[in-house]
Amino acid sequence: MAGESRPFRVLSLGAGLDSTTLLLLSERGEVPRLDAAIFADTMAEPAYVYETLEWLMATVRIPIYRVSAGNLEADILAVAASQEKLTAGFRGQPPFYVQNAPNLDYATADSGGTLWRKCTKDYKIAPIRGKIRELLGAQSTGRLPKGLHVEQWIGFTMDDLGRTFCSDVQWITNVFPLILPKRMRRRDCERWLVKHGYPVPQKSSCVFCPYHRNSYWRDMRDNRPAEWHRAVEFERQLHAGHLPGVRGTPYLHKSLVPLPMAPIDAVESGNEELFCYACNT
């Protein structure tokens, strides 16, 4: 447990490439020893993420905790199917693409945009912070006892310099060991894992995340048909209901058409992914 001498070190574990590498680096002593790793389960990850998580729990001695704020997929569909008059920006709202509906009062752009993203905060950040406070023996809210402080490790690499940010709470300091001191890129993570005989994990994110690139959607359609069907069915049920405060139809793909019709075979320029904090590492 943390004390005056050093902070409590905890990893935000997504069970993707980057955070898996960081956990194993700590396990092998190549970076300081973690006190805990916490996986926030939306219950909507691809099967391979849960396989990686189970493998890590059987492989490392660092305690891994699995927490959840609920089933994000079921919760979204329940909101869409509900007739309740909920306010816009409901709990767990993903950044769906939305085509503006006609408005009789004023002109609106018709190019579409994304909804305010609340899924990461509500289903990843909040449960992780709740578990950290529990591990520290602190109350669920309020100030921490004097002398307690947290280093929250995040698996961003040198490819993600633009994603780094400071914590929004005083009792947590965000730390990015793959950037400093390791100066590792994603390709370096892959090489390190292979060198030490570890499997190379795939990207972690919800099956229906609107931030997937075309290449990810294609891989899901061609190689993971059950998850492709799950995403298509999720969007169909989403369209059958109505999200509170949303004018227009929410889509999973930026083309603003249903996923089976989306131009996912088109090759996108560049390699940059859209990411959520705590989701894709």
Protein backbone atom coordinates (compact mmCIF):
# COMPACT_ATOMS: atom_id res chain seq x y z
CA MET A 1 0.00 0.00 0.00
CA ALA A 2 1.16 3.51 -0.73
CA GLY A 3 2.51 5.72 2.01
CA GLU A 4 4.59 8.84 2.42
CA SER A 5 7.58 7.33 0.61
CA ARG A 6 6.06 6.81 -2.82
CA PRO A 7 2.73 7.02 -4.65
CA PHE A 8 0.36 4.13 -5.21
CA ARG A 9 1.02 2.95 -8.78
CA VAL A 10 -1.97 1.68 -10.74
CA LEU A 11 -2.32 0.81 -14.43
CA SER A 12 -5.42 1.55 -16.48
CA LEU A 13 -5.54 -1.83 -18.22
CA GLY A 14 -7.37 -2.04 -21.52
CA ALA A 15 -5.81 -5.43 -22.41
CA GLY A 16 -4.76 -4.07 -25.78
CA LEU A 17 -1.21 -3.86 -27.13
CA ASP A 18 0.10 -0.88 -25.16
CA SER A 19 -1.23 -1.47 -21.65
CA THR A 20 -0.45 -5.20 -21.90
CA THR A 21 3.16 -4.36 -22.76
CA LEU A 22 3.37 -1.89 -19.88
CA LEU A 23 2.00 -4.44 -17.40
CA LEU A 24 4.51 -7.07 -18.53
CA LEU A 25 7.38 -4.57 -18.41
CA SER A 26 6.51 -3.91 -14.79
CA GLU A 27 6.16 -7.64 -14.07
CA ARG A 28 9.67 -8.20 -15.43
CA GLY A 29 11.17 -5.28 -13.50
CA GLU A 30 12.00 -3.12 -16.52
CA VAL A 31 9.90 -0.29 -15.06
CA PRO A 32 8.90 0.25 -11.39
CA ARG A 33 6.60 -2.27 -9.76
CA LEU A 34 2.89 -1.61 -10.12
CA ASP A 35 0.66 -1.99 -7.08
CA ALA A 36 -2.37 -2.88 -9.20
CA ALA A 37 -3.85 -2.97 -12.69
CA ILE A 38 -7.55 -2.22 -13.18
CA PHE A 39 -9.63 -3.34 -16.16
CA ALA A 40 -12.93 -1.47 -16.58
CA ASP A 41 -15.30 -3.89 -18.30
CA THR A 42 -18.01 -2.36 -20.50
CA MET A 43 -19.15 -5.91 -21.29
CA ALA A 44 -18.95 -4.90 -24.94
CA GLU A 45 -15.34 -5.73 -25.83
CA PRO A 46 -14.35 -8.19 -28.55
CA ALA A 47 -13.77 -11.77 -27.43
CA TYR A 48 -10.00 -11.47 -27.93
CA VAL A 49 -9.80 -8.71 -25.29
CA TYR A 50 -11.29 -11.01 -22.65
CA GLU A 51 -8.95 -13.79 -23.75
CA THR A 52 -5.98 -11.46 -23.28
CA LEU A 53 -7.29 -10.39 -19.87
CA GLU A 54 -7.65 -14.00 -18.70
CA TRP A 55 -4.15 -14.80 -19.96
CA LEU A 56 -2.68 -11.82 -18.10
CA MET A 57 -4.46 -12.75 -14.86
CA ALA A 58 -2.90 -16.22 -15.08
CA THR A 59 0.54 -14.90 -16.08
CA VAL A 60 1.47 -11.92 -13.90
CA ARG A 61 1.74 -11.61 -10.13
CA ILE A 62 0.70 -7.95 -10.11
CA PRO A 63 -2.92 -7.86 -8.85
CA ILE A 64 -5.44 -7.31 -11.65
CA TYR A 65 -8.90 -6.08 -10.72
CA ARG A 66 -11.93 -6.22 -13.01
CA VAL A 67 -14.57 -3.55 -12.39
CA SER A 68 -17.72 -2.56 -14.26
CA ALA A 69 -20.32 0.17 -14.36
CA GLY A 70 -22.68 -2.18 -16.18
CA ASN A 71 -23.40 -3.47 -19.68
CA LEU A 72 -22.88 -0.45 -21.93
CA GLU A 73 -24.49 -2.10 -24.96
CA ALA A 74 -27.66 -3.10 -23.09
CA ASP A 75 -27.84 0.24 -21.29
CA ILE A 76 -27.69 2.26 -24.52
CA LEU A 77 -30.39 0.16 -26.16
CA ALA A 78 -32.56 0.46 -23.04
CA VAL A 79 -32.30 4.25 -23.25
CA ALA A 80 -33.13 4.19 -26.98
CA ALA A 81 -36.17 1.98 -26.38
CA SER A 82 -37.40 3.97 -23.38
CA GLN A 83 -40.24 6.44 -23.71
CA GLU A 84 -38.93 8.46 -20.78
CA LYS A 85 -38.13 12.12 -21.36
CA LEU A 86 -34.43 12.01 -20.59
CA THR A 87 -32.11 14.94 -21.12
CA ALA A 88 -29.50 15.02 -23.85
CA GLY A 89 -26.10 13.53 -23.04
CA PHE A 90 -27.40 10.46 -21.23
CA ARG A 91 -25.11 8.36 -19.05
CA GLY A 92 -22.69 6.40 -21.20
CA GLN A 93 -23.53 8.17 -24.48
CA PRO A 94 -21.03 7.16 -27.23
CA PRO A 95 -19.91 9.58 -29.96
CA PHE A 96 -22.31 8.29 -32.62
CA TYR A 97 -22.34 10.04 -35.98
CA VAL A 98 -25.60 11.93 -36.53
CA GLN A 99 -27.10 13.48 -39.63
CA ASN A 100 -28.93 16.65 -38.69
CA ALA A 101 -32.69 16.35 -39.14
CA PRO A 102 -34.60 19.14 -40.95
CA ASN A 103 -35.31 22.08 -38.67
CA LEU A 104 -38.14 24.49 -39.42
CA ASP A 105 -36.81 27.22 -37.15
CA TYR A 106 -33.29 27.68 -38.44
CA ALA A 107 -30.93 26.26 -41.04
CA THR A 108 -28.58 23.45 -40.01
CA ALA A 109 -25.55 21.94 -41.66
CA ASP A 110 -26.20 18.58 -43.29
CA SER A 111 -22.70 17.13 -43.09
CA GLY A 112 -23.29 15.40 -39.78
CA GLY A 113 -21.24 15.35 -36.61
CA THR A 114 -20.62 13.31 -33.48
CA LEU A 115 -22.52 13.27 -30.23
CA TRP A 116 -20.95 14.33 -26.96
CA ARG A 117 -18.91 11.36 -25.70
CA LYS A 118 -19.73 10.21 -22.15
CA CYS A 119 -19.11 6.46 -22.40
CA THR A 120 -15.42 6.65 -21.50
CA LYS A 121 -15.97 8.79 -18.42
CA ASP A 122 -18.98 6.86 -17.12
CA TYR A 123 -17.94 3.27 -17.94
CA LYS A 124 -14.13 3.46 -17.77
CA ILE A 125 -12.79 6.38 -15.75
CA ALA A 126 -15.41 6.42 -12.98
CA PRO A 127 -15.26 2.70 -12.07
CA ILE A 128 -11.45 2.71 -12.19
CA ARG A 129 -11.27 5.67 -9.83
CA GLY A 130 -13.82 4.07 -7.53
CA LYS A 131 -11.66 0.95 -7.31
CA ILE A 132 -8.51 2.98 -6.68
CA ARG A 133 -10.17 4.70 -3.72
CA GLU A 134 -11.30 1.32 -2.41
CA LEU A 135 -7.77 -0.08 -2.66
CA LEU A 136 -6.47 2.96 -0.77
CA GLY A 137 -9.03 2.46 1.96
CA ALA A 138 -10.55 5.86 1.23
CA GLN A 139 -14.16 6.99 1.10
CA SER A 140 -15.86 6.87 -2.30
CA THR A 141 -15.90 10.68 -2.45
CA GLY A 142 -14.04 13.54 -0.84
CA ARG A 143 -10.38 14.15 -0.08
CA LEU A 144 -7.90 11.36 0.39
CA PRO A 145 -6.16 10.99 3.75
CA LYS A 146 -2.98 13.05 3.96
CA GLY A 147 0.03 11.35 2.42
CA LEU A 148 -1.88 9.27 -0.13
CA HIS A 149 -1.30 9.96 -3.80
CA VAL A 150 -1.74 7.96 -6.98
CA GLU A 151 0.31 7.52 -10.15
CA GLN A 152 -2.14 6.34 -12.78
CA TRP A 153 -0.18 4.67 -15.54
CA ILE A 154 -1.59 4.95 -19.05
CA GLY A 155 -0.27 2.90 -21.95
CA PHE A 156 0.33 5.66 -24.48
CA THR A 157 3.40 5.25 -26.70
CA MET A 158 5.54 7.75 -28.59
CA ASP A 159 2.92 7.49 -31.35
CA ASP A 160 0.44 9.06 -28.92
CA LEU A 161 2.30 12.15 -27.71
CA GLY A 162 -0.64 14.30 -28.75
CA ARG A 163 -2.99 12.29 -26.53
CA THR A 164 -1.17 12.83 -23.24
CA PHE A 165 -2.92 15.01 -20.68
CA CYS A 166 -2.91 15.94 -17.02
CA SER A 167 -5.32 14.43 -14.54
CA ASP A 168 -8.41 16.47 -13.71
CA VAL A 169 -8.18 15.54 -10.01
CA GLN A 170 -5.40 16.56 -7.62
CA TRP A 171 -4.92 13.14 -6.05
CA ILE A 172 -3.96 11.45 -9.33
CA THR A 173 -0.92 12.12 -11.51
CA ASN A 174 -1.09 10.64 -15.00
CA VAL A 175 2.13 8.85 -15.95
CA PHE A 176 3.12 7.49 -19.38
CA PRO A 177 6.12 5.15 -18.90
CA LEU A 178 6.10 3.89 -22.50
CA ILE A 179 6.88 7.48 -23.52
CA LEU A 180 9.25 8.33 -20.67
CA PRO A 181 11.51 6.67 -19.81
CA LYS A 182 11.00 3.86 -22.38
CA ARG A 183 10.47 5.98 -25.53
CA MET A 184 8.64 3.06 -27.16
CA ARG A 185 6.37 3.14 -30.19
CA ARG A 186 3.68 0.56 -30.92
CA ARG A 187 6.04 -1.34 -33.20
CA ASP A 188 8.55 -1.45 -30.33
CA CYS A 189 5.87 -2.95 -28.10
CA GLU A 190 5.18 -5.64 -30.67
CA ARG A 191 8.89 -6.44 -31.00
CA TRP A 192 9.37 -6.58 -27.23
CA LEU A 193 6.43 -8.95 -26.79
CA VAL A 194 7.63 -11.26 -29.57
CA LYS A 195 11.21 -11.21 -28.22
CA HIS A 196 9.99 -12.42 -24.84
CA GLY A 197 7.62 -15.03 -26.24
CA TYR A 198 4.39 -13.20 -25.41
CA PRO A 199 1.32 -13.03 -27.68
CA VAL A 200 0.68 -9.68 -29.37
CA PRO A 201 -2.77 -8.35 -28.40
CA GLN A 202 -5.12 -6.55 -30.74
CA LYS A 203 -6.74 -3.18 -30.15
CA SER A 204 -9.17 -2.92 -27.26
CA SER A 205 -12.45 -1.05 -27.76
CA CYS A 206 -16.17 -1.73 -27.75
CA VAL A 207 -17.51 -3.77 -30.66
CA PHE A 208 -19.81 -0.93 -31.73
CA CYS A 209 -17.40 1.99 -31.13
CA PRO A 210 -17.89 4.71 -33.80
CA TYR A 211 -14.16 5.43 -33.73
CA HIS A 212 -13.25 2.26 -35.66
CA ARG A 213 -11.43 2.81 -38.94
CA ASN A 214 -12.53 1.06 -42.13
CA SER A 215 -9.74 -1.49 -41.74
CA TYR A 216 -11.09 -2.47 -38.31
CA TRP A 217 -14.65 -2.80 -39.59
CA ARG A 218 -13.39 -4.92 -42.52
CA ASP A 219 -11.48 -7.22 -40.20
CA MET A 220 -14.55 -7.63 -38.04
CA ARG A 221 -16.78 -8.38 -41.04
CA ASP A 222 -14.33 -10.81 -42.66
CA ASN A 223 -12.78 -12.53 -39.64
CA ARG A 224 -15.15 -12.06 -36.70
CA PRO A 225 -18.63 -12.52 -38.20
CA ALA A 226 -20.35 -12.98 -34.83
CA GLU A 227 -19.11 -9.59 -33.66
CA TRP A 228 -19.98 -8.01 -37.01
CA HIS A 229 -23.53 -9.31 -36.68
CA ARG A 230 -23.61 -8.01 -33.11
CA ALA A 231 -22.61 -4.50 -34.26
CA VAL A 232 -25.12 -4.53 -37.13
CA GLU A 233 -27.92 -5.70 -34.82
CA PHE A 234 -26.96 -3.10 -32.21
CA GLU A 235 -27.28 -0.32 -34.79
CA ARG A 236 -30.60 -1.73 -36.05
CA GLN A 237 -32.06 -1.67 -32.55
CA LEU A 238 -30.61 1.79 -32.01
CA HIS A 239 -32.47 3.00 -35.09
CA ALA A 240 -35.69 1.37 -33.91
CA GLY A 241 -35.65 3.57 -30.83
CA HIS A 242 -34.73 7.17 -30.12
CA LEU A 243 -31.86 8.69 -28.16
CA PRO A 244 -32.87 11.56 -25.88
CA GLY A 245 -32.08 15.02 -27.16
CA VAL A 246 -30.90 13.77 -30.56
CA ARG A 247 -32.41 15.15 -33.73
CA GLY A 248 -31.68 12.74 -36.53
CA THR A 249 -30.42 9.19 -36.76
CA PRO A 250 -27.26 7.96 -34.99
CA TYR A 251 -24.84 5.81 -37.02
CA LEU A 252 -21.74 3.77 -36.24
CA HIS A 253 -19.91 4.82 -39.43
CA LYS A 254 -19.02 8.36 -40.48
CA SER A 255 -20.64 7.83 -43.89
CA LEU A 256 -24.02 8.19 -42.11
CA VAL A 257 -25.49 5.02 -43.57
CA PRO A 258 -26.26 1.70 -41.84
CA LEU A 259 -23.15 -0.39 -41.24
CA PRO A 260 -23.93 -3.10 -43.86
CA MET A 261 -24.10 -0.32 -46.48
CA ALA A 262 -21.11 1.70 -45.25
CA PRO A 263 -18.10 2.02 -47.62
CA ILE A 264 -15.73 0.15 -45.32
CA ASP A 265 -13.83 -1.35 -48.26
CA ALA A 266 -12.49 2.12 -49.06
CA VAL A 267 -8.84 2.55 -48.09
CA GLU A 268 -8.34 5.45 -45.72
CA SER A 269 -5.30 7.69 -45.91
CA GLY A 270 -2.89 7.82 -42.97
CA ASN A 271 -2.55 5.49 -40.04
CA GLU A 272 -3.99 7.64 -37.27
CA GLU A 273 -6.74 6.11 -35.20
CA LEU A 274 -9.43 7.90 -33.27
CA PHE A 275 -9.13 6.97 -29.62
CA CYS A 276 -10.88 7.31 -26.31
CA TYR A 277 -8.84 7.67 -23.16
CA ALA A 278 -8.71 4.35 -21.26
CA CYS A 279 -10.41 2.43 -24.06
CA ASN A 280 -7.79 1.58 -26.64
CA THR A 281 -4.58 0.87 -24.80
